[in-house]
Amino acid sequence: MSRNFELLQQVEKEHEAFAAPIHPSVSGNGKKPHLDLAELSREESMKLVRSLFLSSIPDAPRVVLFCGVETGDGASWVCVHAGETLASQTKSSVCLVDANLRTPVLHQHFRIDTLRGLTDAALQPGSIRNFAHRVNGGNMWLLPCGSNPIDPHGLLNSKRFHSRMTELKTKFDYILIDGPPACLYADTSLLGKLTDGVVLVVQANSTRREAARKAMECLEFANVRVLGTVLNKRLFPIPESVYRRI
């Protein structure tokens, strides 16, 4: 059974991939408003990580693909912050993988060069760890996209790529993969089959209902397990009685 998650994203410019949180302004009486978006965001990230990775169920996922329904739904943002939260809550190794081969962005957040990464590992020899970058000397790693492939779909469908994904599972305890929008490319279904499941990100007041339905159908048709959905950029409360029905 899929689960539903919520996550708030704060960005100063809606079209930026990553940005600093907006701090609540001070009201006329000198008091800050009750809604602290940054704190709410941290709380929702924690809920997502605990429900998804740190639950007590025996088959809790270790390898998860995050993807939006359409471009701009915030899947990359959700993937990064879930990875950072997970790394802070465990001593296990966490690897973020940028598998959006057409429009990679994770390296921008960590300011890491993309000359070597996932695509290079699929074509060159050496341990997969040689292509990953340790973040701030901690227990989190980033495997950026790497060189732009001539045929992204063909690369994802190759035996060499599958072998590298299998190797990743032996080198890291948790793997969070940022993938392309589900409605745009078949890449998402190919990646989803190599994971324990997919978290689908939809943007409040933006993602079209029909597009979300189509994305779910495509994943289910490909026999890809949908672990749950993240409602991103929701800026108003949903009553508990209503939320339970989602």
C-alpha atoms as a PDB file:
ATOM      1  CA  MET A   1       0.000   0.000   0.000  1.00  0.00           C
ATOM      2  CA  SER A   2       1.406   3.383  -0.967  1.00  0.00           C
ATOM      3  CA  ARG A   3       1.736   6.053   1.682  1.00  0.00           C
ATOM      4  CA  ASN A   4       1.195   9.784   1.310  1.00  0.00           C
ATOM      5  CA  PHE A   5       3.763  12.267   2.562  1.00  0.00           C
ATOM      6  CA  GLU A   6       3.896  16.031   2.703  1.00  0.00           C
ATOM      7  CA  LEU A   7       6.853  18.349   2.384  1.00  0.00           C
ATOM      8  CA  LEU A   8       7.101  22.125   2.325  1.00  0.00           C
ATOM      9  CA  GLN A   9       9.606  23.791   0.034  1.00  0.00           C
ATOM     10  CA  GLN A  10      10.630  27.428   0.457  1.00  0.00           C
ATOM     11  CA  VAL A  11      12.381  29.140  -2.429  1.00  0.00           C
ATOM     12  CA  GLU A  12      12.970  32.821  -3.075  1.00  0.00           C
ATOM     13  CA  LYS A  13      12.542  32.327  -6.821  1.00  0.00           C
ATOM     14  CA  GLU A  14      10.113  29.651  -7.897  1.00  0.00           C
ATOM     15  CA  HIS A  15      12.121  28.584 -10.948  1.00  0.00           C
ATOM     16  CA  GLU A  16      15.439  28.064  -9.134  1.00  0.00           C
ATOM     17  CA  ALA A  17      16.435  24.455  -8.465  1.00  0.00           C
ATOM     18  CA  PHE A  18      17.768  25.286  -5.000  1.00  0.00           C
ATOM     19  CA  ALA A  19      17.493  28.405  -2.880  1.00  0.00           C
ATOM     20  CA  ALA A  20      17.646  29.619   0.698  1.00  0.00           C
ATOM     21  CA  PRO A  21      14.513  29.417   2.863  1.00  0.00           C
ATOM     22  CA  ILE A  22      12.355  32.497   3.190  1.00  0.00           C
ATOM     23  CA  HIS A  23      12.448  33.780   6.744  1.00  0.00           C
ATOM     24  CA  PRO A  24       9.098  34.865   8.222  1.00  0.00           C
ATOM     25  CA  SER A  25       8.713  38.622   8.319  1.00  0.00           C
ATOM     26  CA  VAL A  26       8.006  40.559  11.467  1.00  0.00           C
ATOM     27  CA  SER A  27       4.439  41.747  11.905  1.00  0.00           C
ATOM     28  CA  GLY A  28       3.357  45.230  12.855  1.00  0.00           C
ATOM     29  CA  ASN A  29       3.335  44.439  16.578  1.00  0.00           C
ATOM     30  CA  GLY A  30       6.948  43.251  16.457  1.00  0.00           C
ATOM     31  CA  LYS A  31       6.062  39.571  16.743  1.00  0.00           C
ATOM     32  CA  LYS A  32       6.917  36.889  14.209  1.00  0.00           C
ATOM     33  CA  PRO A  33       3.994  35.074  12.605  1.00  0.00           C
ATOM     34  CA  HIS A  34       3.111  31.650  13.955  1.00  0.00           C
ATOM     35  CA  LEU A  35       3.968  29.905  10.668  1.00  0.00           C
ATOM     36  CA  ASP A  36       7.709  29.130  10.613  1.00  0.00           C
ATOM     37  CA  LEU A  37       8.207  27.673   7.140  1.00  0.00           C
ATOM     38  CA  ALA A  38      11.807  26.602   7.683  1.00  0.00           C
ATOM     39  CA  GLU A  39      10.916  24.704  10.851  1.00  0.00           C
ATOM     40  CA  LEU A  40       7.883  23.119   9.216  1.00  0.00           C
ATOM     41  CA  SER A  41      10.076  22.017   6.325  1.00  0.00           C
ATOM     42  CA  ARG A  42      12.546  20.332   8.668  1.00  0.00           C
ATOM     43  CA  GLU A  43       9.744  18.576  10.495  1.00  0.00           C
ATOM     44  CA  GLU A  44       8.192  17.279   7.279  1.00  0.00           C
ATOM     45  CA  SER A  45      11.583  16.080   6.008  1.00  0.00           C
ATOM     46  CA  MET A  46      12.048  14.193   9.268  1.00  0.00           C
ATOM     47  CA  LYS A  47       8.601  12.604   8.983  1.00  0.00           C
ATOM     48  CA  LEU A  48       9.327  11.513   5.436  1.00  0.00           C
ATOM     49  CA  VAL A  49      12.673   9.935   6.334  1.00  0.00           C
ATOM     50  CA  ARG A  50      11.343   8.153   9.404  1.00  0.00           C
ATOM     51  CA  SER A  51       8.322   6.786   7.565  1.00  0.00           C
ATOM     52  CA  LEU A  52      10.288   5.743   4.498  1.00  0.00           C
ATOM     53  CA  PHE A  53      13.717   4.582   5.661  1.00  0.00           C
ATOM     54  CA  LEU A  54      13.778   4.297   9.450  1.00  0.00           C
ATOM     55  CA  SER A  55      10.520   2.463  10.111  1.00  0.00           C
ATOM     56  CA  SER A  56      10.526  -0.826  12.006  1.00  0.00           C
ATOM     57  CA  ILE A  57       9.101  -2.870   9.129  1.00  0.00           C
ATOM     58  CA  PRO A  58      11.505  -5.630   8.003  1.00  0.00           C
ATOM     59  CA  ASP A  59      11.454  -4.684   4.312  1.00  0.00           C
ATOM     60  CA  ALA A  60      12.059  -0.942   4.736  1.00  0.00           C
ATOM     61  CA  PRO A  61      13.496   0.384   1.443  1.00  0.00           C
ATOM     62  CA  ARG A  62      17.201   1.133   1.053  1.00  0.00           C
ATOM     63  CA  VAL A  63      17.219   2.231  -2.585  1.00  0.00           C
ATOM     64  CA  VAL A  64      14.588   4.834  -3.531  1.00  0.00           C
ATOM     65  CA  LEU A  65      13.966   6.851  -6.683  1.00  0.00           C
ATOM     66  CA  PHE A  66      12.548  10.373  -6.313  1.00  0.00           C
ATOM     67  CA  CYS A  67      10.840  11.839  -9.369  1.00  0.00           C
ATOM     68  CA  GLY A  68       8.371  14.568 -10.159  1.00  0.00           C
ATOM     69  CA  VAL A  69       5.303  14.236 -12.327  1.00  0.00           C
ATOM     70  CA  GLU A  70       6.406  17.158 -14.471  1.00  0.00           C
ATOM     71  CA  THR A  71       9.396  19.503 -14.656  1.00  0.00           C
ATOM     72  CA  GLY A  72       9.613  21.860 -11.671  1.00  0.00           C
ATOM     73  CA  ASP A  73       7.710  19.732  -9.152  1.00  0.00           C
ATOM     74  CA  GLY A  74      10.678  19.845  -6.770  1.00  0.00           C
ATOM     75  CA  ALA A  75      11.821  16.195  -6.792  1.00  0.00           C
ATOM     76  CA  SER A  76      15.513  17.165  -6.707  1.00  0.00           C
ATOM     77  CA  TRP A  77      14.930  19.408  -3.689  1.00  0.00           C
ATOM     78  CA  VAL A  78      13.026  16.654  -1.881  1.00  0.00           C
ATOM     79  CA  CYS A  79      15.709  14.073  -2.711  1.00  0.00           C
ATOM     80  CA  VAL A  80      18.554  16.269  -1.408  1.00  0.00           C
ATOM     81  CA  HIS A  81      16.850  17.212   1.831  1.00  0.00           C
ATOM     82  CA  ALA A  82      15.711  13.648   2.485  1.00  0.00           C
ATOM     83  CA  GLY A  83      19.312  12.520   2.011  1.00  0.00           C
ATOM     84  CA  GLU A  84      20.702  15.185   4.328  1.00  0.00           C
ATOM     85  CA  THR A  85      18.102  14.382   6.973  1.00  0.00           C
ATOM     86  CA  LEU A  86      18.732  10.632   6.703  1.00  0.00           C
ATOM     87  CA  ALA A  87      22.504  11.127   6.988  1.00  0.00           C
ATOM     88  CA  SER A  88      22.001  13.217  10.129  1.00  0.00           C
ATOM     89  CA  GLN A  89      19.834  10.541  11.750  1.00  0.00           C
ATOM     90  CA  THR A  90      22.056   7.516  11.168  1.00  0.00           C
ATOM     91  CA  LYS A  91      25.710   6.517  11.074  1.00  0.00           C
ATOM     92  CA  SER A  92      25.045   4.465   7.944  1.00  0.00           C
ATOM     93  CA  SER A  93      26.458   5.568   4.587  1.00  0.00           C
ATOM     94  CA  VAL A  94      24.054   7.542   2.380  1.00  0.00           C
ATOM     95  CA  CYS A  95      24.607   8.112  -1.332  1.00  0.00           C
ATOM     96  CA  LEU A  96      22.690  10.611  -3.449  1.00  0.00           C
ATOM     97  CA  VAL A  97      22.700   9.677  -7.143  1.00  0.00           C
ATOM     98  CA  ASP A  98      21.849  12.124  -9.921  1.00  0.00           C
ATOM     99  CA  ALA A  99      20.264   9.897 -12.558  1.00  0.00           C
ATOM    100  CA  ASN A 100      18.456  12.723 -14.338  1.00  0.00           C
ATOM    101  CA  LEU A 101      20.767  12.349 -17.314  1.00  0.00           C
ATOM    102  CA  ARG A 102      19.077  15.060 -19.372  1.00  0.00           C
ATOM    103  CA  THR A 103      18.938  17.917 -16.852  1.00  0.00           C
ATOM    104  CA  PRO A 104      21.131  17.082 -13.814  1.00  0.00           C
ATOM    105  CA  VAL A 105      21.113  19.582 -10.936  1.00  0.00           C
ATOM    106  CA  LEU A 106      22.343  17.929  -7.717  1.00  0.00           C
ATOM    107  CA  HIS A 107      25.941  19.046  -8.297  1.00  0.00           C
ATOM    108  CA  GLN A 108      24.749  22.661  -8.166  1.00  0.00           C
ATOM    109  CA  HIS A 109      23.540  22.248  -4.606  1.00  0.00           C
ATOM    110  CA  PHE A 110      26.842  20.756  -3.404  1.00  0.00           C
ATOM    111  CA  ARG A 111      29.040  22.843  -5.750  1.00  0.00           C
ATOM    112  CA  ILE A 112      30.718  19.723  -7.140  1.00  0.00           C
ATOM    113  CA  ASP A 113      32.309  19.376 -10.562  1.00  0.00           C
ATOM    114  CA  THR A 114      30.382  17.060 -12.888  1.00  0.00           C
ATOM    115  CA  LEU A 115      33.304  15.887 -15.047  1.00  0.00           C
ATOM    116  CA  ARG A 116      33.105  12.386 -13.549  1.00  0.00           C
ATOM    117  CA  GLY A 117      30.005  10.659 -12.292  1.00  0.00           C
ATOM    118  CA  LEU A 118      27.334   8.048 -12.963  1.00  0.00           C
ATOM    119  CA  THR A 119      27.558   8.022 -16.744  1.00  0.00           C
ATOM    120  CA  ASP A 120      31.346   7.757 -16.645  1.00  0.00           C
ATOM    121  CA  ALA A 121      31.161   4.878 -14.172  1.00  0.00           C
ATOM    122  CA  ALA A 122      28.878   3.028 -16.591  1.00  0.00           C
ATOM    123  CA  LEU A 123      31.532   3.265 -19.308  1.00  0.00           C
ATOM    124  CA  GLN A 124      34.858   3.193 -17.453  1.00  0.00           C
ATOM    125  CA  PRO A 125      36.607   0.712 -15.121  1.00  0.00           C
ATOM    126  CA  GLY A 126      37.268   1.216 -11.428  1.00  0.00           C
ATOM    127  CA  SER A 127      35.281   1.078  -8.209  1.00  0.00           C
ATOM    128  CA  ILE A 128      32.011   3.013  -8.197  1.00  0.00           C
ATOM    129  CA  ARG A 129      33.337   4.884  -5.143  1.00  0.00           C
ATOM    130  CA  ASN A 130      35.996   6.438  -7.356  1.00  0.00           C
ATOM    131  CA  PHE A 131      33.242   8.379  -9.131  1.00  0.00           C
ATOM    132  CA  ALA A 132      31.430   9.524  -5.962  1.00  0.00           C
ATOM    133  CA  HIS A 133      32.228  12.580  -3.848  1.00  0.00           C
ATOM    134  CA  ARG A 134      32.119  12.587  -0.070  1.00  0.00           C
ATOM    135  CA  VAL A 135      30.138  15.544   1.250  1.00  0.00           C
ATOM    136  CA  ASN A 136      31.783  17.582   4.013  1.00  0.00           C
ATOM    137  CA  GLY A 137      33.734  14.566   5.260  1.00  0.00           C
ATOM    138  CA  GLY A 138      30.573  12.981   6.684  1.00  0.00           C
ATOM    139  CA  ASN A 139      28.587   9.841   5.952  1.00  0.00           C
ATOM    140  CA  MET A 140      26.869  11.245   2.852  1.00  0.00           C
ATOM    141  CA  TRP A 141      28.169  10.900  -0.698  1.00  0.00           C
ATOM    142  CA  LEU A 142      27.112  12.343  -4.035  1.00  0.00           C
ATOM    143  CA  LEU A 143      27.389  10.475  -7.316  1.00  0.00           C
ATOM    144  CA  PRO A 144      26.744  13.242  -9.868  1.00  0.00           C
ATOM    145  CA  CYS A 145      25.437  12.632 -13.350  1.00  0.00           C
ATOM    146  CA  GLY A 146      28.820  13.011 -15.066  1.00  0.00           C
ATOM    147  CA  SER A 147      29.385  13.424 -18.784  1.00  0.00           C
ATOM    148  CA  ASN A 148      26.354  13.982 -20.995  1.00  0.00           C
ATOM    149  CA  PRO A 149      25.474  10.649 -22.655  1.00  0.00           C
ATOM    150  CA  ILE A 150      24.651  10.513 -26.358  1.00  0.00           C
ATOM    151  CA  ASP A 151      21.843   8.026 -25.749  1.00  0.00           C
ATOM    152  CA  PRO A 152      20.479   8.334 -22.156  1.00  0.00           C
ATOM    153  CA  HIS A 153      17.769   5.699 -22.626  1.00  0.00           C
ATOM    154  CA  GLY A 154      20.205   3.221 -24.119  1.00  0.00           C
ATOM    155  CA  LEU A 155      22.698   3.779 -21.310  1.00  0.00           C
ATOM    156  CA  LEU A 156      20.080   3.217 -18.602  1.00  0.00           C
ATOM    157  CA  ASN A 157      19.012   0.002 -20.316  1.00  0.00           C
ATOM    158  CA  SER A 158      22.547  -1.376 -20.673  1.00  0.00           C
ATOM    159  CA  LYS A 159      23.939  -4.342 -18.722  1.00  0.00           C
ATOM    160  CA  ARG A 160      26.891  -2.224 -17.628  1.00  0.00           C
ATOM    161  CA  PHE A 161      24.609   0.363 -16.024  1.00  0.00           C
ATOM    162  CA  HIS A 162      22.636  -2.354 -14.238  1.00  0.00           C
ATOM    163  CA  SER A 163      25.894  -3.831 -12.974  1.00  0.00           C
ATOM    164  CA  ARG A 164      26.973  -0.455 -11.586  1.00  0.00           C
ATOM    165  CA  MET A 165      23.649  -0.026  -9.787  1.00  0.00           C
ATOM    166  CA  THR A 166      24.094  -3.457  -8.212  1.00  0.00           C
ATOM    167  CA  GLU A 167      27.598  -2.444  -7.105  1.00  0.00           C
ATOM    168  CA  LEU A 168      26.229   0.735  -5.523  1.00  0.00           C
ATOM    169  CA  LYS A 169      24.018  -1.371  -3.280  1.00  0.00           C
ATOM    170  CA  THR A 170      27.081  -3.178  -1.943  1.00  0.00           C
ATOM    171  CA  LYS A 171      29.022   0.025  -1.248  1.00  0.00           C
ATOM    172  CA  PHE A 172      26.376   2.182   0.465  1.00  0.00           C
ATOM    173  CA  ASP A 173      23.691   1.492   3.060  1.00  0.00           C
ATOM    174  CA  TYR A 174      21.135   3.896   1.586  1.00  0.00           C
ATOM    175  CA  ILE A 175      20.820   5.149  -1.984  1.00  0.00           C
ATOM    176  CA  LEU A 176      18.546   8.058  -2.921  1.00  0.00           C
ATOM    177  CA  ILE A 177      18.220   8.609  -6.656  1.00  0.00           C
ATOM    178  CA  ASP A 178      17.048  11.794  -8.337  1.00  0.00           C
ATOM    179  CA  GLY A 179      15.330  10.871 -11.599  1.00  0.00           C
ATOM    180  CA  PRO A 180      13.651  12.718 -14.480  1.00  0.00           C
ATOM    181  CA  PRO A 181       9.938  13.620 -14.486  1.00  0.00           C
ATOM    182  CA  ALA A 182       7.779  10.522 -14.862  1.00  0.00           C
ATOM    183  CA  CYS A 183       5.590  12.043 -17.550  1.00  0.00           C
ATOM    184  CA  LEU A 184       8.409  13.072 -19.878  1.00  0.00           C
ATOM    185  CA  TYR A 185      10.668  10.059 -20.369  1.00  0.00           C
ATOM    186  CA  ALA A 186      10.661   6.275 -20.071  1.00  0.00           C
ATOM    187  CA  ASP A 187      13.907   6.657 -18.086  1.00  0.00           C
ATOM    188  CA  THR A 188      11.926   6.767 -14.850  1.00  0.00           C
ATOM    189  CA  SER A 189      10.447   3.303 -15.353  1.00  0.00           C
ATOM    190  CA  LEU A 190      13.866   1.860 -16.208  1.00  0.00           C
ATOM    191  CA  LEU A 191      15.388   3.381 -13.069  1.00  0.00           C
ATOM    192  CA  GLY A 192      12.436   2.392 -10.912  1.00  0.00           C
ATOM    193  CA  LYS A 193      12.938  -1.281 -11.712  1.00  0.00           C
ATOM    194  CA  LEU A 194      16.432  -1.081 -10.209  1.00  0.00           C
ATOM    195  CA  THR A 195      15.184   0.294  -6.879  1.00  0.00           C
ATOM    196  CA  ASP A 196      13.000  -0.730  -3.949  1.00  0.00           C
ATOM    197  CA  GLY A 197      10.402   1.771  -5.111  1.00  0.00           C
ATOM    198  CA  VAL A 198       9.553   5.294  -6.218  1.00  0.00           C
ATOM    199  CA  VAL A 199       8.456   8.400  -4.334  1.00  0.00           C
ATOM    200  CA  LEU A 200       6.407  10.588  -6.651  1.00  0.00           C
ATOM    201  CA  VAL A 201       6.564  14.350  -6.049  1.00  0.00           C
ATOM    202  CA  VAL A 202       3.612  16.553  -6.961  1.00  0.00           C
ATOM    203  CA  GLN A 203       3.478  20.317  -6.543  1.00  0.00           C
ATOM    204  CA  ALA A 204       0.491  21.881  -4.806  1.00  0.00           C
ATOM    205  CA  ASN A 205      -1.656  24.095  -7.041  1.00  0.00           C
ATOM    206  CA  SER A 206       0.525  23.294 -10.052  1.00  0.00           C
ATOM    207  CA  THR A 207       0.739  19.613 -10.960  1.00  0.00           C
ATOM    208  CA  ARG A 208      -2.161  18.647 -13.170  1.00  0.00           C
ATOM    209  CA  ARG A 209      -4.425  15.906 -11.864  1.00  0.00           C
ATOM    210  CA  GLU A 210      -4.458  14.150 -15.223  1.00  0.00           C
ATOM    211  CA  ALA A 211      -0.653  14.227 -15.419  1.00  0.00           C
ATOM    212  CA  ALA A 212      -0.349  12.723 -11.943  1.00  0.00           C
ATOM    213  CA  ARG A 213      -2.801   9.970 -12.844  1.00  0.00           C
ATOM    214  CA  LYS A 214      -0.889   9.198 -16.033  1.00  0.00           C
ATOM    215  CA  ALA A 215       2.421   9.057 -14.151  1.00  0.00           C
ATOM    216  CA  MET A 216       0.993   6.563 -11.659  1.00  0.00           C
ATOM    217  CA  GLU A 217      -0.393   4.421 -14.465  1.00  0.00           C
ATOM    218  CA  CYS A 218       2.951   4.400 -16.303  1.00  0.00           C
ATOM    219  CA  LEU A 219       4.829   3.291 -13.208  1.00  0.00           C
ATOM    220  CA  GLU A 220       2.302   0.620 -12.328  1.00  0.00           C
ATOM    221  CA  PHE A 221       2.251  -0.655 -15.918  1.00  0.00           C
ATOM    222  CA  ALA A 222       6.047  -1.046 -15.728  1.00  0.00           C
ATOM    223  CA  ASN A 223       5.646  -2.999 -12.442  1.00  0.00           C
ATOM    224  CA  VAL A 224       7.442  -0.279 -10.509  1.00  0.00           C
ATOM    225  CA  ARG A 225       6.481  -0.046  -6.841  1.00  0.00           C
ATOM    226  CA  VAL A 226       5.178   3.375  -5.803  1.00  0.00           C
ATOM    227  CA  LEU A 227       6.091   3.868  -2.139  1.00  0.00           C
ATOM    228  CA  GLY A 228       4.151   7.098  -1.731  1.00  0.00           C
ATOM    229  CA  THR A 229       3.705  10.678  -2.844  1.00  0.00           C
ATOM    230  CA  VAL A 230       5.097  13.984  -1.587  1.00  0.00           C
ATOM    231  CA  LEU A 231       2.842  17.029  -1.788  1.00  0.00           C
ATOM    232  CA  ASN A 232       5.377  19.801  -2.291  1.00  0.00           C
ATOM    233  CA  LYS A 233       4.951  23.540  -1.629  1.00  0.00           C
ATOM    234  CA  ARG A 234       1.721  23.131   0.300  1.00  0.00           C
ATOM    235  CA  LEU A 235       1.336  26.429   2.149  1.00  0.00           C
ATOM    236  CA  PHE A 236      -2.009  25.830   3.853  1.00  0.00           C
ATOM    237  CA  PRO A 237      -3.068  23.225   6.421  1.00  0.00           C
ATOM    238  CA  ILE A 238      -5.144  20.188   5.544  1.00  0.00           C
ATOM    239  CA  PRO A 239      -7.510  19.042   8.301  1.00  0.00           C
ATOM    240  CA  GLU A 240      -6.450  15.701   9.786  1.00  0.00           C
ATOM    241  CA  SER A 241      -9.840  14.151   8.975  1.00  0.00           C
ATOM    242  CA  VAL A 242      -9.406  15.068   5.307  1.00  0.00           C
ATOM    243  CA  TYR A 243      -5.706  14.181   5.111  1.00  0.00           C
ATOM    244  CA  ARG A 244      -6.395  10.604   6.261  1.00  0.00           C
ATOM    245  CA  ARG A 245      -8.501  10.083   3.140  1.00  0.00           C
ATOM    246  CA  ILE A 246      -5.770  11.192   0.700  1.00  0.00           C
END
